[in-house]
Amino acid sequence: MFILLAEDNADNRDMLSRRLLKRGHRIAVAEDGVIAVAQTRALKPDLVLMDISMPNMSGLEATVILKADPETASVPIIALTAHAMSSDRQACMDAGCNGFASKPIDFPALMDQIETYQPISNAA
């Protein structure tokens, strides 16, 4: 699966990228919401892992833009955030996120969410 990881924290980006690569995923990264929107439009990833608190444009703002664009509306977005209150989760869902993972990331639980969006193979 081709995943865009939108995360402004270099340590988090590195850790998640390495773990996802070990699981066989292809990765692109974005350091803020503006780049995440541009990369999603240009690269057409299978899934976006979207940090919610990023500079220049928040992950929520980026999600709203991507979900309003017919070219990117169907790309699943899983919110990544240190804000774990139920109201935070609801704000992510209201913005259009398809999933939610609170930080620190429970990697096995995140992988379970990611696998629900695995593209169907065209193989017979």
C-alpha atoms as a PDB file:
ATOM      1  CA  MET A   1       0.000   0.000   0.000  1.00  0.00           C
ATOM      2  CA  PHE A   2       1.213   3.531  -0.757  1.00  0.00           C
ATOM      3  CA  ILE A   3       0.847   5.724   2.346  1.00  0.00           C
ATOM      4  CA  LEU A   4       1.378   9.467   2.712  1.00  0.00           C
ATOM      5  CA  LEU A   5       2.580  10.225   6.233  1.00  0.00           C
ATOM      6  CA  ALA A   6       1.800  13.845   7.139  1.00  0.00           C
ATOM      7  CA  GLU A   7       3.695  14.508  10.380  1.00  0.00           C
ATOM      8  CA  ASP A   8       5.668  17.585  11.416  1.00  0.00           C
ATOM      9  CA  ASN A   9       7.697  15.899  14.184  1.00  0.00           C
ATOM     10  CA  ALA A  10      10.853  14.406  12.655  1.00  0.00           C
ATOM     11  CA  ASP A  11      11.189  11.689  15.313  1.00  0.00           C
ATOM     12  CA  ASN A  12       7.580  10.545  14.868  1.00  0.00           C
ATOM     13  CA  ARG A  13       7.943  10.683  11.078  1.00  0.00           C
ATOM     14  CA  ASP A  14      11.116   8.592  11.182  1.00  0.00           C
ATOM     15  CA  MET A  15       9.715   5.997  13.591  1.00  0.00           C
ATOM     16  CA  LEU A  16       6.444   5.535  11.716  1.00  0.00           C
ATOM     17  CA  SER A  17       8.141   5.521   8.310  1.00  0.00           C
ATOM     18  CA  ARG A  18      10.601   2.820   9.335  1.00  0.00           C
ATOM     19  CA  ARG A  19       7.898   0.640  10.862  1.00  0.00           C
ATOM     20  CA  LEU A  20       5.599   1.007   7.855  1.00  0.00           C
ATOM     21  CA  LEU A  21       8.437   0.255   5.426  1.00  0.00           C
ATOM     22  CA  LYS A  22       9.239  -2.921   7.401  1.00  0.00           C
ATOM     23  CA  ARG A  23       5.617  -3.967   6.852  1.00  0.00           C
ATOM     24  CA  GLY A  24       6.066  -3.608   3.094  1.00  0.00           C
ATOM     25  CA  HIS A  25       4.330  -0.269   2.541  1.00  0.00           C
ATOM     26  CA  ARG A  26       5.635   2.466   0.263  1.00  0.00           C
ATOM     27  CA  ILE A  27       5.890   5.837   2.005  1.00  0.00           C
ATOM     28  CA  ALA A  28       5.878   9.512   1.084  1.00  0.00           C
ATOM     29  CA  VAL A  29       6.117  12.194   3.750  1.00  0.00           C
ATOM     30  CA  ALA A  30       4.778  15.696   4.283  1.00  0.00           C
ATOM     31  CA  GLU A  31       5.877  18.032   7.074  1.00  0.00           C
ATOM     32  CA  ASP A  32       2.750  20.205   7.162  1.00  0.00           C
ATOM     33  CA  GLY A  33      -0.832  20.401   5.955  1.00  0.00           C
ATOM     34  CA  VAL A  34      -0.055  22.473   2.869  1.00  0.00           C
ATOM     35  CA  ILE A  35       2.442  19.874   1.664  1.00  0.00           C
ATOM     36  CA  ALA A  36       0.040  17.054   2.608  1.00  0.00           C
ATOM     37  CA  VAL A  37      -2.674  18.510   0.374  1.00  0.00           C
ATOM     38  CA  ALA A  38      -0.263  19.024  -2.529  1.00  0.00           C
ATOM     39  CA  GLN A  39       1.276  15.557  -2.170  1.00  0.00           C
ATOM     40  CA  THR A  40      -2.104  13.834  -1.908  1.00  0.00           C
ATOM     41  CA  ARG A  41      -3.241  15.542  -5.094  1.00  0.00           C
ATOM     42  CA  ALA A  42       0.006  14.805  -6.950  1.00  0.00           C
ATOM     43  CA  LEU A  43       0.862  11.320  -5.704  1.00  0.00           C
ATOM     44  CA  LYS A  44      -2.619   9.781  -5.207  1.00  0.00           C
ATOM     45  CA  PRO A  45      -1.697   7.652  -2.151  1.00  0.00           C
ATOM     46  CA  ASP A  46      -3.882   4.735  -1.072  1.00  0.00           C
ATOM     47  CA  LEU A  47      -4.128   6.232   2.429  1.00  0.00           C
ATOM     48  CA  VAL A  48      -3.056   9.319   4.382  1.00  0.00           C
ATOM     49  CA  LEU A  49      -1.880   9.251   8.003  1.00  0.00           C
ATOM     50  CA  MET A  50      -2.624  12.852   9.013  1.00  0.00           C
ATOM     51  CA  ASP A  51      -1.145  14.501  12.077  1.00  0.00           C
ATOM     52  CA  ILE A  52      -3.735  16.982  13.302  1.00  0.00           C
ATOM     53  CA  SER A  53      -1.412  19.592  14.857  1.00  0.00           C
ATOM     54  CA  MET A  54       0.930  20.806  12.117  1.00  0.00           C
ATOM     55  CA  PRO A  55       2.314  24.216  11.106  1.00  0.00           C
ATOM     56  CA  ASN A  56       1.091  26.301   8.158  1.00  0.00           C
ATOM     57  CA  MET A  57      -2.154  24.303   7.886  1.00  0.00           C
ATOM     58  CA  SER A  58      -3.574  21.898  10.451  1.00  0.00           C
ATOM     59  CA  GLY A  59      -4.392  18.322   9.609  1.00  0.00           C
ATOM     60  CA  LEU A  60      -8.075  19.117  10.121  1.00  0.00           C
ATOM     61  CA  GLU A  61      -7.921  21.954   7.574  1.00  0.00           C
ATOM     62  CA  ALA A  62      -6.027  19.727   5.138  1.00  0.00           C
ATOM     63  CA  THR A  63      -8.589  16.934   5.590  1.00  0.00           C
ATOM     64  CA  VAL A  64     -11.511  19.278   4.883  1.00  0.00           C
ATOM     65  CA  ILE A  65      -9.798  20.443   1.662  1.00  0.00           C
ATOM     66  CA  LEU A  66      -8.998  16.901   0.526  1.00  0.00           C
ATOM     67  CA  LYS A  67     -12.495  15.580   1.256  1.00  0.00           C
ATOM     68  CA  ALA A  68     -14.081  18.505  -0.639  1.00  0.00           C
ATOM     69  CA  ASP A  69     -11.993  17.774  -3.758  1.00  0.00           C
ATOM     70  CA  PRO A  70     -13.559  15.087  -5.997  1.00  0.00           C
ATOM     71  CA  GLU A  71     -10.043  13.962  -7.027  1.00  0.00           C
ATOM     72  CA  THR A  72      -9.025  13.148  -3.436  1.00  0.00           C
ATOM     73  CA  ALA A  73     -12.314  12.705  -1.558  1.00  0.00           C
ATOM     74  CA  SER A  74     -12.123   8.909  -1.635  1.00  0.00           C
ATOM     75  CA  VAL A  75      -8.600   8.704  -0.163  1.00  0.00           C
ATOM     76  CA  PRO A  76      -8.948   7.341   3.392  1.00  0.00           C
ATOM     77  CA  ILE A  77      -7.450   9.577   6.081  1.00  0.00           C
ATOM     78  CA  ILE A  78      -6.510   8.352   9.549  1.00  0.00           C
ATOM     79  CA  ALA A  79      -6.007  11.161  12.061  1.00  0.00           C
ATOM     80  CA  LEU A  80      -2.943  11.002  14.299  1.00  0.00           C
ATOM     81  CA  THR A  81      -3.138  13.207  17.369  1.00  0.00           C
ATOM     82  CA  ALA A  82      -1.977  13.639  20.944  1.00  0.00           C
ATOM     83  CA  HIS A  83      -5.442  15.024  21.712  1.00  0.00           C
ATOM     84  CA  ALA A  84      -7.340  11.926  22.789  1.00  0.00           C
ATOM     85  CA  MET A  85     -10.580  13.337  24.199  1.00  0.00           C
ATOM     86  CA  SER A  86     -13.831  12.137  22.634  1.00  0.00           C
ATOM     87  CA  SER A  87     -14.467  15.690  21.417  1.00  0.00           C
ATOM     88  CA  ASP A  88     -11.101  15.615  19.601  1.00  0.00           C
ATOM     89  CA  ARG A  89     -12.026  12.339  17.934  1.00  0.00           C
ATOM     90  CA  GLN A  90     -15.385  13.800  16.924  1.00  0.00           C
ATOM     91  CA  ALA A  91     -13.702  16.893  15.443  1.00  0.00           C
ATOM     92  CA  CYS A  92     -11.526  14.605  13.314  1.00  0.00           C
ATOM     93  CA  MET A  93     -14.532  12.610  12.123  1.00  0.00           C
ATOM     94  CA  ASP A  94     -16.477  15.821  11.436  1.00  0.00           C
ATOM     95  CA  ALA A  95     -13.592  17.071   9.264  1.00  0.00           C
ATOM     96  CA  GLY A  96     -13.829  13.873   7.198  1.00  0.00           C
ATOM     97  CA  CYS A  97     -11.246  11.557   8.724  1.00  0.00           C
ATOM     98  CA  ASN A  98     -12.019   7.870   8.298  1.00  0.00           C
ATOM     99  CA  GLY A  99     -10.077   6.723  11.345  1.00  0.00           C
ATOM    100  CA  PHE A 100      -8.361   7.993  14.473  1.00  0.00           C
ATOM    101  CA  ALA A 101      -5.211   7.041  16.392  1.00  0.00           C
ATOM    102  CA  SER A 102      -4.066   8.818  19.527  1.00  0.00           C
ATOM    103  CA  LYS A 103      -0.417   9.418  20.345  1.00  0.00           C
ATOM    104  CA  PRO A 104       1.665   7.757  21.507  1.00  0.00           C
ATOM    105  CA  ILE A 105       0.736   5.484  18.618  1.00  0.00           C
ATOM    106  CA  ASP A 106      -0.330   1.931  19.398  1.00  0.00           C
ATOM    107  CA  PHE A 107       1.313   0.527  16.253  1.00  0.00           C
ATOM    108  CA  PRO A 108      -0.533  -2.836  16.144  1.00  0.00           C
ATOM    109  CA  ALA A 109      -3.872  -1.014  16.474  1.00  0.00           C
ATOM    110  CA  LEU A 110      -2.835   1.469  13.776  1.00  0.00           C
ATOM    111  CA  MET A 111      -1.879  -1.425  11.479  1.00  0.00           C
ATOM    112  CA  ASP A 112      -5.322  -2.961  12.050  1.00  0.00           C
ATOM    113  CA  GLN A 113      -6.894   0.310  10.881  1.00  0.00           C
ATOM    114  CA  ILE A 114      -4.548   0.601   7.895  1.00  0.00           C
ATOM    115  CA  GLU A 115      -5.299  -2.960   6.789  1.00  0.00           C
ATOM    116  CA  THR A 116      -9.027  -2.185   6.549  1.00  0.00           C
ATOM    117  CA  TYR A 117      -8.139   0.154   3.657  1.00  0.00           C
ATOM    118  CA  GLN A 118      -5.850  -2.290   1.817  1.00  0.00           C
ATOM    119  CA  PRO A 119      -6.621  -1.962  -1.895  1.00  0.00           C
ATOM    120  CA  ILE A 120      -8.149  -5.059  -3.469  1.00  0.00           C
ATOM    121  CA  SER A 121      -5.652  -6.805  -5.723  1.00  0.00           C
ATOM    122  CA  ASN A 122      -6.536  -7.278  -9.377  1.00  0.00           C
ATOM    123  CA  ALA A 123      -4.948 -10.725  -9.284  1.00  0.00           C
ATOM    124  CA  ALA A 124      -7.238 -13.634 -10.089  1.00  0.00           C
END
